[in-house]
C-alpha atoms as a PDB file:
ATOM      1  CA  MET A   1     116.768   2.373  20.693  1.00  0.00           C
ATOM      2  CA  PRO A   2     118.935  -0.109  22.539  1.00  0.00           C
ATOM      3  CA  ALA A   3     122.504  -0.782  21.506  1.00  0.00           C
ATOM      4  CA  LEU A   4     123.271  -4.134  19.881  1.00  0.00           C
ATOM      5  CA  ASP A   5     124.455  -5.716  23.133  1.00  0.00           C
ATOM      6  CA  GLN A   6     121.473  -4.277  25.045  1.00  0.00           C
ATOM      7  CA  LEU A   7     118.720  -5.910  22.989  1.00  0.00           C
ATOM      8  CA  GLY A   8     117.534  -8.014  25.903  1.00  0.00           C
ATOM      9  CA  PRO A   9     115.008 -10.807  26.361  1.00  0.00           C
ATOM     10  CA  GLU A  10     112.088  -8.363  26.599  1.00  0.00           C
ATOM     11  CA  TRP A  11     112.316  -7.873  22.813  1.00  0.00           C
ATOM     12  CA  THR A  12     110.713 -10.273  20.343  1.00  0.00           C
ATOM     13  CA  LYS A  13     113.469 -10.741  17.764  1.00  0.00           C
ATOM     14  CA  VAL A  14     112.262 -11.830  14.325  1.00  0.00           C
ATOM     15  CA  HIS A  15     114.820 -12.749  11.663  1.00  0.00           C
ATOM     16  CA  VAL A  16     113.707 -11.954   8.127  1.00  0.00           C
ATOM     17  CA  ILE A  17     115.608 -14.249   5.798  1.00  0.00           C
ATOM     18  CA  GLN A  18     116.070 -14.113   2.053  1.00  0.00           C
ATOM     19  CA  GLY A  19     112.807 -14.504   0.178  1.00  0.00           C
ATOM     20  CA  THR A  20     110.570 -13.792   3.178  1.00  0.00           C
ATOM     21  CA  HIS A  21     108.736 -10.920   4.835  1.00  0.00           C
ATOM     22  CA  THR A  22     107.260 -10.263   8.271  1.00  0.00           C
ATOM     23  CA  VAL A  23     104.543  -7.882   9.456  1.00  0.00           C
ATOM     24  CA  SER A  24     103.963  -6.954  13.096  1.00  0.00           C
ATOM     25  CA  ASP A  25     102.044  -4.592  15.342  1.00  0.00           C
ATOM     26  CA  ASP A  26     103.834  -5.826  18.483  1.00  0.00           C
ATOM     27  CA  PRO A  27     105.543  -2.857  20.219  1.00  0.00           C
ATOM     28  CA  LYS A  28     108.260  -5.238  21.466  1.00  0.00           C
ATOM     29  CA  ALA A  29     109.027  -6.704  18.015  1.00  0.00           C
ATOM     30  CA  VAL A  30     112.356  -6.065  16.327  1.00  0.00           C
ATOM     31  CA  LEU A  31     112.697  -7.279  12.732  1.00  0.00           C
ATOM     32  CA  MET A  32     116.274  -8.123  11.788  1.00  0.00           C
ATOM     33  CA  THR A  33     118.179  -9.183   8.697  1.00  0.00           C
ATOM     34  CA  ILE A  34     121.649  -9.275   7.174  1.00  0.00           C
ATOM     35  CA  LEU A  35     122.073  -7.964   3.637  1.00  0.00           C
ATOM     36  CA  GLY A  36     124.723  -7.957   0.951  1.00  0.00           C
ATOM     37  CA  SER A  37     123.493  -7.306  -2.578  1.00  0.00           C
ATOM     38  CA  CYS A  38     119.938  -8.114  -1.463  1.00  0.00           C
ATOM     39  CA  VAL A  39     117.583  -5.308  -0.477  1.00  0.00           C
ATOM     40  CA  ALA A  40     115.266  -5.064   2.509  1.00  0.00           C
ATOM     41  CA  THR A  41     112.305  -2.723   2.430  1.00  0.00           C
ATOM     42  CA  CYS A  42     110.939  -1.566   5.770  1.00  0.00           C
ATOM     43  CA  LEU A  43     107.374  -0.234   5.528  1.00  0.00           C
ATOM     44  CA  TRP A  44     105.126   1.093   8.251  1.00  0.00           C
ATOM     45  CA  ASP A  45     101.919   3.006   8.831  1.00  0.00           C
ATOM     46  CA  GLU A  46     102.522   5.417  11.677  1.00  0.00           C
ATOM     47  CA  LYS A  47      98.816   5.919  12.434  1.00  0.00           C
ATOM     48  CA  SER A  48      97.946   2.192  12.482  1.00  0.00           C
ATOM     49  CA  ARG A  49     101.218   1.410  14.297  1.00  0.00           C
ATOM     50  CA  ILE A  50     102.012  -1.560  12.100  1.00  0.00           C
ATOM     51  CA  GLY A  51     104.990  -2.277   9.913  1.00  0.00           C
ATOM     52  CA  GLY A  52     106.975  -4.946   8.168  1.00  0.00           C
ATOM     53  CA  MET A  53     110.173  -5.889   6.397  1.00  0.00           C
ATOM     54  CA  ASN A  54     110.970  -7.949   3.327  1.00  0.00           C
ATOM     55  CA  HIS A  55     114.275  -9.310   2.001  1.00  0.00           C
ATOM     56  CA  PHE A  56     114.614  -9.939  -1.725  1.00  0.00           C
ATOM     57  CA  LEU A  57     117.459 -11.403  -3.767  1.00  0.00           C
ATOM     58  CA  LEU A  58     116.867 -10.122  -7.304  1.00  0.00           C
ATOM     59  CA  PRO A  59     114.826  -7.289  -8.804  1.00  0.00           C
ATOM     60  CA  ASP A  60     112.768  -9.267 -11.296  1.00  0.00           C
ATOM     61  CA  VAL A  61     112.064 -12.740 -12.588  1.00  0.00           C
ATOM     62  CA  THR A  62     113.973 -13.799 -15.666  1.00  0.00           C
ATOM     63  CA  SER A  63     112.433 -16.338 -18.005  1.00  0.00           C
ATOM     64  CA  GLY A  64     112.188 -19.853 -16.625  1.00  0.00           C
ATOM     65  CA  GLU A  65     112.676 -18.904 -12.968  1.00  0.00           C
ATOM     66  CA  SER A  66     110.045 -20.196 -10.569  1.00  0.00           C
ATOM     67  CA  GLU A  67     111.189 -18.960  -7.134  1.00  0.00           C
ATOM     68  CA  ALA A  68     108.981 -15.838  -7.212  1.00  0.00           C
ATOM     69  CA  ARG A  69     109.420 -15.218  -3.481  1.00  0.00           C
ATOM     70  CA  LEU A  70     113.055 -14.236  -4.105  1.00  0.00           C
ATOM     71  CA  TYR A  71     112.166 -11.376  -6.465  1.00  0.00           C
ATOM     72  CA  GLY A  72     111.441  -7.753  -5.725  1.00  0.00           C
ATOM     73  CA  ALA A  73     108.010  -7.299  -7.290  1.00  0.00           C
ATOM     74  CA  HIS A  74     106.616 -10.356  -5.539  1.00  0.00           C
ATOM     75  CA  ALA A  75     108.249  -9.452  -2.217  1.00  0.00           C
ATOM     76  CA  MET A  76     106.952  -5.880  -2.332  1.00  0.00           C
ATOM     77  CA  GLU A  77     103.387  -6.885  -3.216  1.00  0.00           C
ATOM     78  CA  LEU A  78     103.248  -9.492  -0.448  1.00  0.00           C
ATOM     79  CA  LEU A  79     104.519  -7.026   2.156  1.00  0.00           C
ATOM     80  CA  ILE A  80     102.103  -4.259   1.130  1.00  0.00           C
ATOM     81  CA  ASN A  81      99.135  -6.642   0.930  1.00  0.00           C
ATOM     82  CA  ASP A  82      99.858  -8.128   4.367  1.00  0.00           C
ATOM     83  CA  LEU A  83     100.158  -4.668   5.894  1.00  0.00           C
ATOM     84  CA  MET A  84      96.829  -3.616   4.368  1.00  0.00           C
ATOM     85  CA  LYS A  85      95.122  -6.831   5.543  1.00  0.00           C
ATOM     86  CA  ARG A  86      96.179  -5.932   9.084  1.00  0.00           C
ATOM     87  CA  GLY A  87      94.865  -2.363   8.963  1.00  0.00           C
ATOM     88  CA  ALA A  88      97.554  -0.245   7.318  1.00  0.00           C
ATOM     89  CA  ARG A  89      96.571   2.143   4.557  1.00  0.00           C
ATOM     90  CA  LYS A  90      98.722   2.322   1.456  1.00  0.00           C
ATOM     91  CA  ASP A  91      98.488   6.111   1.258  1.00  0.00           C
ATOM     92  CA  ARG A  92     100.059   6.359   4.760  1.00  0.00           C
ATOM     93  CA  LEU A  93     102.903   3.884   4.234  1.00  0.00           C
ATOM     94  CA  GLN A  94     106.449   5.135   4.653  1.00  0.00           C
ATOM     95  CA  ALA A  95     109.582   3.260   3.630  1.00  0.00           C
ATOM     96  CA  LYS A  96     113.237   2.816   4.453  1.00  0.00           C
ATOM     97  CA  LEU A  97     115.516   0.867   2.120  1.00  0.00           C
ATOM     98  CA  PHE A  98     118.718  -1.003   2.939  1.00  0.00           C
ATOM     99  CA  GLY A  99     121.244  -3.140   1.063  1.00  0.00           C
ATOM    100  CA  GLY A 100     122.188  -3.305  -2.580  1.00  0.00           C
ATOM    101  CA  ALA A 101     125.930  -3.603  -1.916  1.00  0.00           C
ATOM    102  CA  SER A 102     128.472  -4.549  -4.574  1.00  0.00           C
ATOM    103  CA  MET A 103     130.273  -7.199  -2.588  1.00  0.00           C
ATOM    104  CA  ILE A 104     131.542  -9.620  -5.241  1.00  0.00           C
ATOM    105  CA  GLU A 105     133.644  -8.486  -8.187  1.00  0.00           C
ATOM    106  CA  GLY A 106     131.736  -9.117 -11.398  1.00  0.00           C
ATOM    107  CA  LEU A 107     128.351  -9.279  -9.635  1.00  0.00           C
ATOM    108  CA  SER A 108     128.254  -5.608  -8.656  1.00  0.00           C
ATOM    109  CA  VAL A 109     125.340  -4.905 -10.981  1.00  0.00           C
ATOM    110  CA  ILE A 110     122.956  -7.072  -8.911  1.00  0.00           C
ATOM    111  CA  GLY A 111     123.046  -4.822  -5.851  1.00  0.00           C
ATOM    112  CA  ALA A 112     122.621  -1.687  -7.959  1.00  0.00           C
ATOM    113  CA  ARG A 113     119.716  -3.253  -9.860  1.00  0.00           C
ATOM    114  CA  ASN A 114     118.032  -4.284  -6.598  1.00  0.00           C
ATOM    115  CA  ALA A 115     118.402  -0.765  -5.183  1.00  0.00           C
ATOM    116  CA  ALA A 116     117.114   0.879  -8.367  1.00  0.00           C
ATOM    117  CA  PHE A 117     114.151  -1.502  -8.507  1.00  0.00           C
ATOM    118  CA  ALA A 118     113.142  -0.805  -4.893  1.00  0.00           C
ATOM    119  CA  LYS A 119     113.326   2.962  -5.348  1.00  0.00           C
ATOM    120  CA  GLN A 120     111.345   2.874  -8.599  1.00  0.00           C
ATOM    121  CA  PHE A 121     108.727   0.549  -7.120  1.00  0.00           C
ATOM    122  CA  LEU A 122     108.079   2.959  -4.246  1.00  0.00           C
ATOM    123  CA  ILE A 123     107.799   5.904  -6.634  1.00  0.00           C
ATOM    124  CA  ARG A 124     105.410   3.988  -8.909  1.00  0.00           C
ATOM    125  CA  GLU A 125     103.233   2.979  -5.938  1.00  0.00           C
ATOM    126  CA  GLY A 126     103.230   6.455  -4.392  1.00  0.00           C
ATOM    127  CA  ILE A 127     104.966   5.311  -1.195  1.00  0.00           C
ATOM    128  CA  LEU A 128     107.192   7.903   0.460  1.00  0.00           C
ATOM    129  CA  CYS A 129     110.783   6.767   1.060  1.00  0.00           C
ATOM    130  CA  VAL A 130     111.988   8.635   4.155  1.00  0.00           C
ATOM    131  CA  GLY A 131     115.385   6.951   4.503  1.00  0.00           C
ATOM    132  CA  GLU A 132     117.797   4.760   2.643  1.00  0.00           C
ATOM    133  CA  SER A 133     121.225   3.219   2.899  1.00  0.00           C
ATOM    134  CA  LEU A 134     121.935   1.568  -0.447  1.00  0.00           C
ATOM    135  CA  GLY A 135     125.088   0.579  -2.309  1.00  0.00           C
ATOM    136  CA  GLY A 136     128.639   0.507  -1.073  1.00  0.00           C
ATOM    137  CA  LYS A 137     130.786  -2.592  -0.716  1.00  0.00           C
ATOM    138  CA  ASN A 138     129.933  -3.876   2.768  1.00  0.00           C
ATOM    139  CA  ALA A 139     127.172  -6.065   4.079  1.00  0.00           C
ATOM    140  CA  ARG A 140     124.752  -4.598   6.602  1.00  0.00           C
ATOM    141  CA  ARG A 141     122.965  -5.853   9.661  1.00  0.00           C
ATOM    142  CA  VAL A 142     119.586  -4.101   9.902  1.00  0.00           C
ATOM    143  CA  ARG A 143     117.112  -3.856  12.763  1.00  0.00           C
ATOM    144  CA  PHE A 144     113.642  -2.359  12.353  1.00  0.00           C
ATOM    145  CA  TRP A 145     110.988  -1.537  14.931  1.00  0.00           C
ATOM    146  CA  PRO A 146     107.775  -1.974  12.896  1.00  0.00           C
ATOM    147  CA  VAL A 147     105.435  -0.045  15.198  1.00  0.00           C
ATOM    148  CA  THR A 148     107.545   3.145  15.249  1.00  0.00           C
ATOM    149  CA  GLY A 149     109.444   2.959  11.951  1.00  0.00           C
ATOM    150  CA  LYS A 150     112.794   3.336  13.730  1.00  0.00           C
ATOM    151  CA  ALA A 151     115.718   1.531  12.120  1.00  0.00           C
ATOM    152  CA  GLN A 152     119.359   0.823  12.864  1.00  0.00           C
ATOM    153  CA  GLN A 153     122.093  -0.594  10.722  1.00  0.00           C
ATOM    154  CA  MET A 154     125.625  -1.767  11.248  1.00  0.00           C
ATOM    155  CA  PHE A 155     128.068  -2.176   8.396  1.00  0.00           C
ATOM    156  CA  LEU A 156     129.891  -5.497   8.467  1.00  0.00           C
ATOM    157  CA  SER A 157     133.515  -5.720   7.433  1.00  0.00           C
ATOM    158  CA  ASP A 158     134.577  -7.731   4.432  1.00  0.00           C
ATOM    159  CA  ILE A 159     136.543 -10.209   6.516  1.00  0.00           C
ATOM    160  CA  PRO A 160     135.310 -13.838   6.602  1.00  0.00           C
ATOM    161  CA  ASP A 161     133.806 -13.562  10.107  1.00  0.00           C
ATOM    162  CA  PRO A 162     130.394 -11.875   9.514  1.00  0.00           C
ATOM    163  CA  VAL A 163     129.911 -11.198  13.225  1.00  0.00           C
ATOM    164  CA  LYS A 164     132.782  -8.700  13.441  1.00  0.00           C
ATOM    165  CA  ALA A 165     131.609  -5.166  12.774  1.00  0.00           C
ATOM    166  CA  ALA A 166     133.431  -2.496  10.836  1.00  0.00           C
ATOM    167  CA  PRO A 167     133.830   0.889  12.504  1.00  0.00           C
ATOM    168  CA  SER A 168     130.673   2.972  12.369  1.00  0.00           C
ATOM    169  CA  LEU A 169     130.335   5.082   9.271  1.00  0.00           C
ATOM    170  CA  PRO A 170     128.517   8.389   9.055  1.00  0.00           C
ATOM    171  CA  ALA A 171     124.840   8.156   8.181  1.00  0.00           C
ATOM    172  CA  PRO A 172     124.156   8.516   4.461  1.00  0.00           C
ATOM    173  CA  LYS A 173     122.836  11.886   3.342  1.00  0.00           C
ATOM    174  CA  ASP A 174     119.058  12.146   3.729  1.00  0.00           C
ATOM    175  CA  ALA A 175     119.045   8.930   5.735  1.00  0.00           C
ATOM    176  CA  GLY A 176     115.967   9.974   7.659  1.00  0.00           C
ATOM    177  CA  ASP A 177     115.488   8.120  10.914  1.00  0.00           C
ATOM    178  CA  VAL A 178     118.272   5.598  10.395  1.00  0.00           C
ATOM    179  CA  SER A 179     120.930   5.236  13.051  1.00  0.00           C
ATOM    180  CA  LEU A 180     124.169   3.316  12.914  1.00  0.00           C
ATOM    181  CA  PHE A 181     125.179   1.054  15.770  1.00  0.00           C
END
């Protein structure tokens, strides 16, 4: 996988923003997002060579809230359904999870709830989670190659400039095929 500064023009860079998801079978596609307390789920079917990423803000809808696209259950269902429409099989899907940080004092429960929701959803749906980087206090920049299932992340420092990167941290235990850049 190319280093951050070597992701050249030959790559199709797709930014997955809060409340959205993207599915691709393009071998040159790189799905990217930046996460704090939000969670991104990267799913792919190795045999069909298709994958996708979502980015959700909260684990579940509370009464009176109408922005369903921002919530975990909706985001997960849309991603899985789009993958299956394009030829993936649910029983072959594999997942990697990122995010769920506790970045703001007093709001630390949101990141933990998002992470717990994502893990439980995958278990309930019978989808194997082969890697995760959840929790902590720093934001993350994540890149995902949907055809291969490869992923990279970079922790961002807690200084106001979100472009500056913190020193690389060791990969979380059982991180699977997640590399830090």
